[in-house]
Amino acid sequence: VTAQVSSPEVTPRQWEQGTGWGWGWGNDDEVGSLNELSPELTLKALSLVEEGKVYDLGLTYDRESFKFPGHNPGEVMSFRTSSGELTQKDLSMVTDEEENSTNTTFASSALFISDNVATQLDTLGHITEGDPPHAYNNYHAEDIQGDWGLLKLGAETVPPIAAPATMIDVAKSVGEDPLPESYAIGQEEMETALDEQGVDIDPLDVVLVRTGTGGLWLKGDGVGSNHSEIQGPDMAGITVSGARWLVEEKGALAVGTDTSAIETLPPPEQLDDGTSFNPVHVYLLVRQGVHILEYQNLEDLASDETYKFAYILGVNKIKGATAGTVLRPIGMV
């Protein structure tokens, strides 16, 4: 078991215990709590690296991968193949016998995918609330949602993340792996697991909660093709009060799980001032400016009982995407 590691303290600039992050970085801010990333936080993360071991925290995407029904299907289509180039002869660089006597050919694919399938990061432009709808920092939907993606708060605004991380293995603590359908993870469940693991959450930690659903994804041909098996456990997740505890009391920099929705569905708790089909998303993304990490592959961390590590993530810079998609975050110890 990786015990609590003593590492340098980094004091948050904007976070207030009992309140969280809020909208404290100015009217033009598009980054939210990730404004707290700094060289000091990177060094704290790297202080957790002693073995040089790297964990692959990404899950593989495929056209058959499980997805939330509200997102579009995906296809990976062969756009260029060797046989096509040699038989259709539409590319002069391939067909010119003098310049290409070795018949060099190439393969390329056209990708049509949802930006909200497999390992992903929800941007602050992903969720809106109210009428008229607004996102984080009071960006109005009519001003930032264009015909070709987001005009503000898109994936290209997310900086490279290098931060300390804490994994909370609730599935192991509860003794059901994966957790049952719609299992609600609140403060009590997370504190119990943390006590059993012998670790705690530091302010500015990335916090990843394990339900065991990622392990089911791996059993579906490695790409989550076993939809009926995943569907129930995928509805386990964090409650509103659990998310509030992570942000307001523990100072989580970002919050994630190994499910597609991060939160318990249907929601057993609601926001103080109204209802939502995704109240944790509203709380984290819109009201606190905290990015959501979904379908993080926590299986190897769980197998090794590694609970504190450096978390490294570079989000693909697809301008206007509502989520960083098909990501491959890594953990290092």
Protein backbone atom coordinates (compact mmCIF):
# COMPACT_ATOMS: atom_id res chain seq x y z
CA VAL A 1 0.00 0.00 0.00
CA THR A 2 1.27 3.47 -0.85
CA ALA A 3 0.98 5.37 2.42
CA GLN A 4 0.41 9.09 2.82
CA VAL A 5 3.52 10.73 1.45
CA SER A 6 4.92 13.86 3.02
CA SER A 7 5.21 16.43 0.25
CA PRO A 8 5.58 20.22 0.03
CA GLU A 9 2.55 22.26 0.98
CA VAL A 10 1.07 24.56 -1.66
CA THR A 11 -1.42 27.14 -0.45
CA PRO A 12 -4.40 27.81 -2.73
CA ARG A 13 -4.75 31.43 -3.80
CA GLN A 14 -8.51 31.55 -4.40
CA TRP A 15 -10.07 28.65 -2.50
CA GLU A 16 -11.92 29.32 0.75
CA GLN A 17 -12.87 26.49 3.05
CA GLY A 18 -16.63 26.29 3.34
CA THR A 19 -17.13 28.19 0.10
CA GLY A 20 -14.91 26.52 -2.50
CA TRP A 21 -13.70 28.21 -5.67
CA GLY A 22 -16.62 30.17 -7.12
CA TRP A 23 -16.08 32.73 -9.90
CA GLY A 24 -13.10 34.54 -8.44
CA TRP A 25 -10.73 35.02 -11.38
CA GLY A 26 -12.31 37.90 -13.25
CA ASN A 27 -15.04 38.41 -15.82
CA ASP A 28 -12.99 37.05 -18.73
CA ASP A 29 -11.79 33.87 -17.03
CA GLU A 30 -12.32 30.55 -18.85
CA VAL A 31 -10.12 28.30 -16.70
CA GLY A 32 -11.76 28.13 -13.26
CA SER A 33 -9.96 26.25 -10.50
CA LEU A 34 -7.16 25.26 -12.90
CA ASN A 35 -5.88 28.83 -12.46
CA GLU A 36 -4.29 27.31 -9.34
CA LEU A 37 -1.85 25.25 -11.42
CA SER A 38 1.68 26.48 -10.79
CA PRO A 39 5.34 25.45 -10.81
CA GLU A 40 5.03 24.89 -7.06
CA LEU A 41 2.12 22.48 -7.56
CA THR A 42 4.01 20.65 -10.31
CA LEU A 43 6.96 20.21 -7.98
CA LYS A 44 4.67 18.91 -5.27
CA ALA A 45 3.26 16.37 -7.73
CA LEU A 46 6.71 15.28 -8.82
CA SER A 47 7.77 14.87 -5.19
CA LEU A 48 5.41 11.86 -5.14
CA VAL A 49 7.43 10.14 -7.87
CA GLU A 50 9.98 7.79 -6.31
CA GLU A 51 9.75 4.54 -8.28
CA GLY A 52 9.43 5.95 -11.79
CA LYS A 53 6.35 3.79 -12.37
CA VAL A 54 3.80 5.06 -14.91
CA TYR A 55 0.09 4.17 -14.85
CA ASP A 56 -2.02 4.41 -17.99
CA LEU A 57 -5.26 6.02 -16.84
CA GLY A 58 -6.94 6.04 -20.26
CA LEU A 59 -9.55 3.67 -21.67
CA THR A 60 -9.58 2.67 -25.33
CA TYR A 61 -12.24 4.14 -27.64
CA ASP A 62 -13.97 2.21 -30.41
CA ARG A 63 -17.08 2.62 -32.53
CA GLU A 64 -18.73 0.05 -30.21
CA SER A 65 -17.83 1.84 -26.97
CA PHE A 66 -20.52 2.42 -24.36
CA LYS A 67 -21.94 5.95 -24.35
CA PHE A 68 -24.57 8.07 -22.66
CA PRO A 69 -27.66 8.02 -24.93
CA GLY A 70 -27.55 11.81 -25.30
CA HIS A 71 -24.28 11.69 -27.28
CA ASN A 72 -23.76 10.90 -30.93
CA PRO A 73 -22.40 7.58 -32.18
CA GLY A 74 -18.86 7.44 -33.48
CA GLU A 75 -17.06 5.96 -36.44
CA VAL A 76 -13.41 5.52 -37.32
CA MET A 77 -13.45 5.41 -41.11
CA SER A 78 -10.57 4.41 -43.35
CA PHE A 79 -10.03 7.43 -45.59
CA ARG A 80 -6.92 6.20 -47.37
CA THR A 81 -5.77 2.59 -47.82
CA SER A 82 -3.01 0.97 -49.83
CA SER A 83 -5.45 -0.89 -52.07
CA GLY A 84 -7.48 2.23 -52.76
CA GLU A 85 -4.47 4.34 -53.69
CA LEU A 86 -3.08 1.67 -56.03
CA THR A 87 -6.39 0.87 -57.74
CA GLN A 88 -8.13 4.24 -57.86
CA LYS A 89 -4.93 6.03 -58.87
CA ASP A 90 -6.14 9.47 -57.82
CA LEU A 91 -2.92 10.58 -56.13
CA SER A 92 -0.09 11.45 -58.50
CA MET A 93 2.62 11.02 -55.88
CA VAL A 94 1.56 7.36 -55.53
CA THR A 95 0.97 6.55 -59.19
CA ASP A 96 4.02 8.25 -60.68
CA GLU A 97 6.23 5.30 -61.62
CA GLU A 98 9.39 7.40 -61.76
CA GLU A 99 8.91 9.14 -58.42
CA ASN A 100 7.40 6.11 -56.60
CA SER A 101 8.84 2.96 -58.15
CA THR A 102 8.62 1.20 -54.74
CA ASN A 103 4.84 1.71 -54.63
CA THR A 104 4.96 3.53 -51.30
CA THR A 105 1.43 3.92 -49.92
CA PHE A 106 -0.11 5.22 -46.70
CA ALA A 107 -3.09 4.80 -44.43
CA SER A 108 -5.18 7.54 -42.82
CA SER A 109 -8.54 7.65 -41.08
CA ALA A 110 -11.40 10.10 -40.81
CA LEU A 111 -12.77 10.33 -37.28
CA PHE A 112 -16.39 11.04 -36.50
CA ILE A 113 -16.77 10.73 -32.74
CA SER A 114 -18.49 12.27 -29.78
CA ASP A 115 -16.29 14.46 -27.61
CA ASN A 116 -18.04 12.90 -24.60
CA VAL A 117 -17.17 9.22 -24.97
CA ALA A 118 -14.43 7.19 -23.24
CA THR A 119 -11.73 8.91 -21.13
CA GLN A 120 -12.58 12.60 -21.16
CA LEU A 121 -12.53 15.96 -19.41
CA ASP A 122 -15.71 18.01 -19.34
CA THR A 123 -14.96 21.63 -20.17
CA LEU A 124 -16.60 24.52 -18.37
CA GLY A 125 -18.68 25.08 -21.51
CA HIS A 126 -20.27 21.64 -21.33
CA ILE A 127 -23.11 22.50 -18.94
CA THR A 128 -25.43 25.49 -18.65
CA GLU A 129 -28.28 26.33 -16.30
CA GLY A 130 -30.98 28.97 -16.04
CA ASP A 131 -33.21 30.78 -18.53
CA PRO A 132 -31.55 32.25 -20.49
CA PRO A 133 -28.91 29.50 -20.09
CA HIS A 134 -25.52 30.44 -18.72
CA ALA A 135 -22.31 28.52 -18.10
CA TYR A 136 -19.42 29.16 -15.71
CA ASN A 137 -18.62 32.81 -15.01
CA ASN A 138 -21.98 33.89 -16.44
CA TYR A 139 -21.04 33.18 -20.05
CA HIS A 140 -24.41 33.06 -21.82
CA ALA A 141 -25.09 30.13 -24.10
CA GLU A 142 -26.30 32.35 -26.93
CA ASP A 143 -22.90 34.08 -26.91
CA ILE A 144 -20.62 31.05 -26.69
CA GLN A 145 -22.38 28.18 -28.49
CA GLY A 146 -21.72 28.35 -32.22
CA ASP A 147 -22.53 26.11 -35.19
CA TRP A 148 -18.98 24.72 -35.16
CA GLY A 149 -18.40 24.26 -31.47
CA LEU A 150 -17.95 26.50 -28.46
CA LEU A 151 -16.70 30.04 -28.96
CA LYS A 152 -15.61 30.22 -25.31
CA LEU A 153 -14.78 27.65 -22.60
CA GLY A 154 -13.80 24.96 -25.13
CA ALA A 155 -11.19 22.22 -24.78
CA GLU A 156 -8.42 24.47 -26.09
CA THR A 157 -8.72 26.62 -22.95
CA VAL A 158 -7.73 23.77 -20.61
CA PRO A 159 -4.07 24.09 -19.59
CA PRO A 160 -1.78 21.06 -19.22
CA ILE A 161 -2.48 19.55 -15.81
CA ALA A 162 0.38 18.44 -13.57
CA ALA A 163 -0.88 18.05 -10.01
CA PRO A 164 -0.88 15.73 -7.00
CA ALA A 165 -3.75 13.25 -7.02
CA THR A 166 -5.66 11.10 -4.57
CA MET A 167 -7.57 7.98 -5.63
CA ILE A 168 -10.47 6.88 -3.41
CA ASP A 169 -11.29 3.20 -3.93
CA VAL A 170 -14.90 3.14 -2.79
CA ALA A 171 -15.56 -0.20 -4.52
CA LYS A 172 -12.90 -1.89 -2.41
CA SER A 173 -14.05 -0.17 0.78
CA VAL A 174 -17.68 -1.18 0.25
CA GLY A 175 -16.71 -4.70 -0.79
CA GLU A 176 -18.66 -4.66 -4.05
CA ASP A 177 -16.62 -4.38 -7.24
CA PRO A 178 -18.13 -2.87 -9.26
CA LEU A 179 -20.54 -0.91 -7.11
CA PRO A 180 -24.24 -1.66 -7.60
CA GLU A 181 -26.45 0.34 -9.93
CA SER A 182 -27.09 3.91 -8.72
CA TYR A 183 -24.87 3.46 -5.65
CA ALA A 184 -24.58 6.88 -3.97
CA ILE A 185 -21.10 8.00 -2.88
CA GLY A 186 -21.19 10.74 -0.29
CA GLN A 187 -18.80 12.19 2.25
CA GLU A 188 -19.17 9.23 4.61
CA GLU A 189 -18.30 6.64 1.97
CA MET A 190 -15.26 8.62 0.82
CA GLU A 191 -14.00 9.33 4.34
CA THR A 192 -14.32 5.66 5.27
CA ALA A 193 -12.32 4.61 2.21
CA LEU A 194 -9.66 7.25 2.84
CA ASP A 195 -9.27 6.10 6.46
CA GLU A 196 -8.86 2.50 5.29
CA GLN A 197 -6.31 3.58 2.70
CA GLY A 198 -4.35 5.64 5.23
CA VAL A 199 -4.34 8.78 3.12
CA ASP A 200 -6.09 12.14 3.03
CA ILE A 201 -6.87 14.75 0.38
CA ASP A 202 -4.70 17.85 0.27
CA PRO A 203 -6.04 21.13 -1.09
CA LEU A 204 -5.27 21.29 -4.85
CA ASP A 205 -5.34 17.51 -5.28
CA VAL A 206 -7.02 15.99 -8.30
CA VAL A 207 -9.49 13.54 -6.74
CA LEU A 208 -10.47 10.34 -8.58
CA VAL A 209 -13.17 8.06 -7.15
CA ARG A 210 -13.24 4.40 -8.16
CA THR A 211 -16.54 2.55 -8.64
CA GLY A 212 -15.11 -0.42 -10.55
CA THR A 213 -16.99 0.46 -13.75
CA GLY A 214 -13.69 0.99 -15.57
CA GLY A 215 -12.87 -2.66 -14.94
CA LEU A 216 -16.07 -3.65 -16.74
CA TRP A 217 -15.09 -1.48 -19.71
CA LEU A 218 -11.86 -3.44 -20.03
CA LYS A 219 -13.83 -6.70 -20.11
CA GLY A 220 -15.84 -5.51 -23.12
CA ASP A 221 -13.17 -6.31 -25.73
CA GLY A 222 -11.10 -3.62 -24.04
CA VAL A 223 -13.32 -0.89 -25.52
CA GLY A 224 -16.49 -0.98 -23.43
CA SER A 225 -18.52 -2.90 -26.00
CA ASN A 226 -20.44 -4.79 -23.26
CA HIS A 227 -23.14 -2.14 -22.90
CA SER A 228 -25.65 -4.15 -20.87
CA GLU A 229 -22.98 -5.08 -18.33
CA ILE A 230 -21.73 -1.51 -17.94
CA GLN A 231 -25.08 0.28 -17.88
CA GLY A 232 -26.03 -0.38 -14.25
CA PRO A 233 -22.70 0.20 -12.44
CA ASP A 234 -22.11 3.25 -14.66
CA MET A 235 -24.95 4.94 -12.75
CA ALA A 236 -23.03 4.77 -9.47
CA GLY A 237 -21.33 8.01 -8.54
CA ILE A 238 -20.89 11.04 -6.33
CA THR A 239 -23.80 12.86 -4.66
CA VAL A 240 -24.21 16.63 -4.55
CA SER A 241 -23.19 16.73 -0.89
CA GLY A 242 -20.20 14.50 -1.70
CA ALA A 243 -19.09 16.88 -4.45
CA ARG A 244 -19.61 19.85 -2.15
CA TRP A 245 -17.45 18.22 0.53
CA LEU A 246 -14.65 17.56 -1.96
CA VAL A 247 -14.64 21.14 -3.23
CA GLU A 248 -15.62 23.24 -0.22
CA GLU A 249 -13.97 21.28 2.58
CA LYS A 250 -11.07 19.48 0.90
CA GLY A 251 -10.15 21.91 -1.91
CA ALA A 252 -10.21 19.46 -4.81
CA LEU A 253 -8.67 20.95 -7.96
CA ALA A 254 -10.61 18.62 -10.28
CA VAL A 255 -12.93 15.70 -9.61
CA GLY A 256 -13.35 12.47 -11.54
CA THR A 257 -14.52 8.87 -11.52
CA ASP A 258 -14.32 5.77 -13.70
CA THR A 259 -17.86 6.29 -15.01
CA SER A 260 -19.40 8.31 -17.83
CA ALA A 261 -21.42 10.62 -15.59
CA ILE A 262 -19.33 11.10 -12.39
CA GLU A 263 -22.57 11.40 -10.40
CA THR A 264 -25.21 9.06 -9.04
CA LEU A 265 -28.08 8.55 -11.48
CA PRO A 266 -30.89 9.16 -10.97
CA PRO A 267 -29.72 11.87 -8.55
CA PRO A 268 -30.66 11.05 -4.94
CA GLU A 269 -29.88 14.63 -3.85
CA GLN A 270 -30.56 17.96 -5.48
CA LEU A 271 -29.22 21.49 -5.45
CA ASP A 272 -30.43 23.79 -2.68
CA ASP A 273 -32.33 26.05 -5.09
CA GLY A 274 -33.83 23.65 -7.59
CA THR A 275 -33.65 20.38 -9.48
CA SER A 276 -31.49 19.07 -12.32
CA PHE A 277 -31.00 15.76 -14.08
CA ASN A 278 -27.24 16.34 -13.56
CA PRO A 279 -26.95 18.40 -10.35
CA VAL A 280 -23.31 17.48 -9.65
CA HIS A 281 -22.35 18.70 -13.12
CA VAL A 282 -24.13 21.99 -12.46
CA TYR A 283 -22.44 22.39 -9.09
CA LEU A 284 -18.92 21.56 -10.27
CA LEU A 285 -18.78 23.03 -13.77
CA VAL A 286 -21.13 26.01 -13.62
CA ARG A 287 -21.05 27.12 -10.00
CA GLN A 288 -17.52 26.19 -8.94
CA GLY A 289 -15.51 26.16 -12.18
CA VAL A 290 -14.14 22.69 -11.41
CA HIS A 291 -13.44 20.45 -14.40
CA ILE A 292 -14.87 16.93 -14.41
CA LEU A 293 -12.80 13.87 -15.32
CA GLU A 294 -14.79 10.89 -16.60
CA TYR A 295 -13.90 7.28 -17.38
CA GLN A 296 -10.49 7.46 -15.76
CA ASN A 297 -8.94 3.98 -15.77
CA LEU A 298 -8.16 3.34 -12.10
CA GLU A 299 -7.78 -0.44 -12.27
CA ASP A 300 -3.98 -0.70 -12.08
CA LEU A 301 -3.84 1.89 -9.31
CA ALA A 302 -6.38 -0.18 -7.37
CA SER A 303 -4.50 -3.42 -7.98
CA ASP A 304 -1.31 -1.88 -6.60
CA GLU A 305 -3.17 -0.04 -3.82
CA THR A 306 -1.63 3.20 -5.04
CA TYR A 307 -3.63 6.10 -3.70
CA LYS A 308 -1.30 9.12 -3.91
CA PHE A 309 0.46 9.93 -7.18
CA ALA A 310 1.34 12.59 -9.71
CA TYR A 311 -1.43 13.16 -12.25
CA ILE A 312 -0.43 14.38 -15.71
CA LEU A 313 -2.92 15.28 -18.44
CA GLY A 314 -2.64 17.21 -21.68
CA VAL A 315 -6.05 17.82 -23.24
CA ASN A 316 -6.17 17.63 -27.04
CA LYS A 317 -6.54 21.16 -28.36
CA ILE A 318 -9.62 20.76 -30.54
CA LYS A 319 -10.97 24.30 -30.65
CA GLY A 320 -14.56 24.51 -29.53
CA ALA A 321 -14.89 20.92 -28.27
CA THR A 322 -17.12 20.60 -25.21
CA ALA A 323 -14.82 17.94 -23.76
CA GLY A 324 -11.24 16.84 -24.03
CA THR A 325 -11.84 13.50 -25.68
CA VAL A 326 -10.23 10.05 -25.92
CA LEU A 327 -7.62 11.18 -23.40
CA ARG A 328 -4.65 9.29 -22.01
CA PRO A 329 -3.86 10.73 -18.59
CA ILE A 330 -1.00 9.15 -16.69
CA GLY A 331 -0.26 8.62 -13.02
CA MET A 332 3.32 8.42 -11.75
CA VAL A 333 4.79 7.20 -8.48
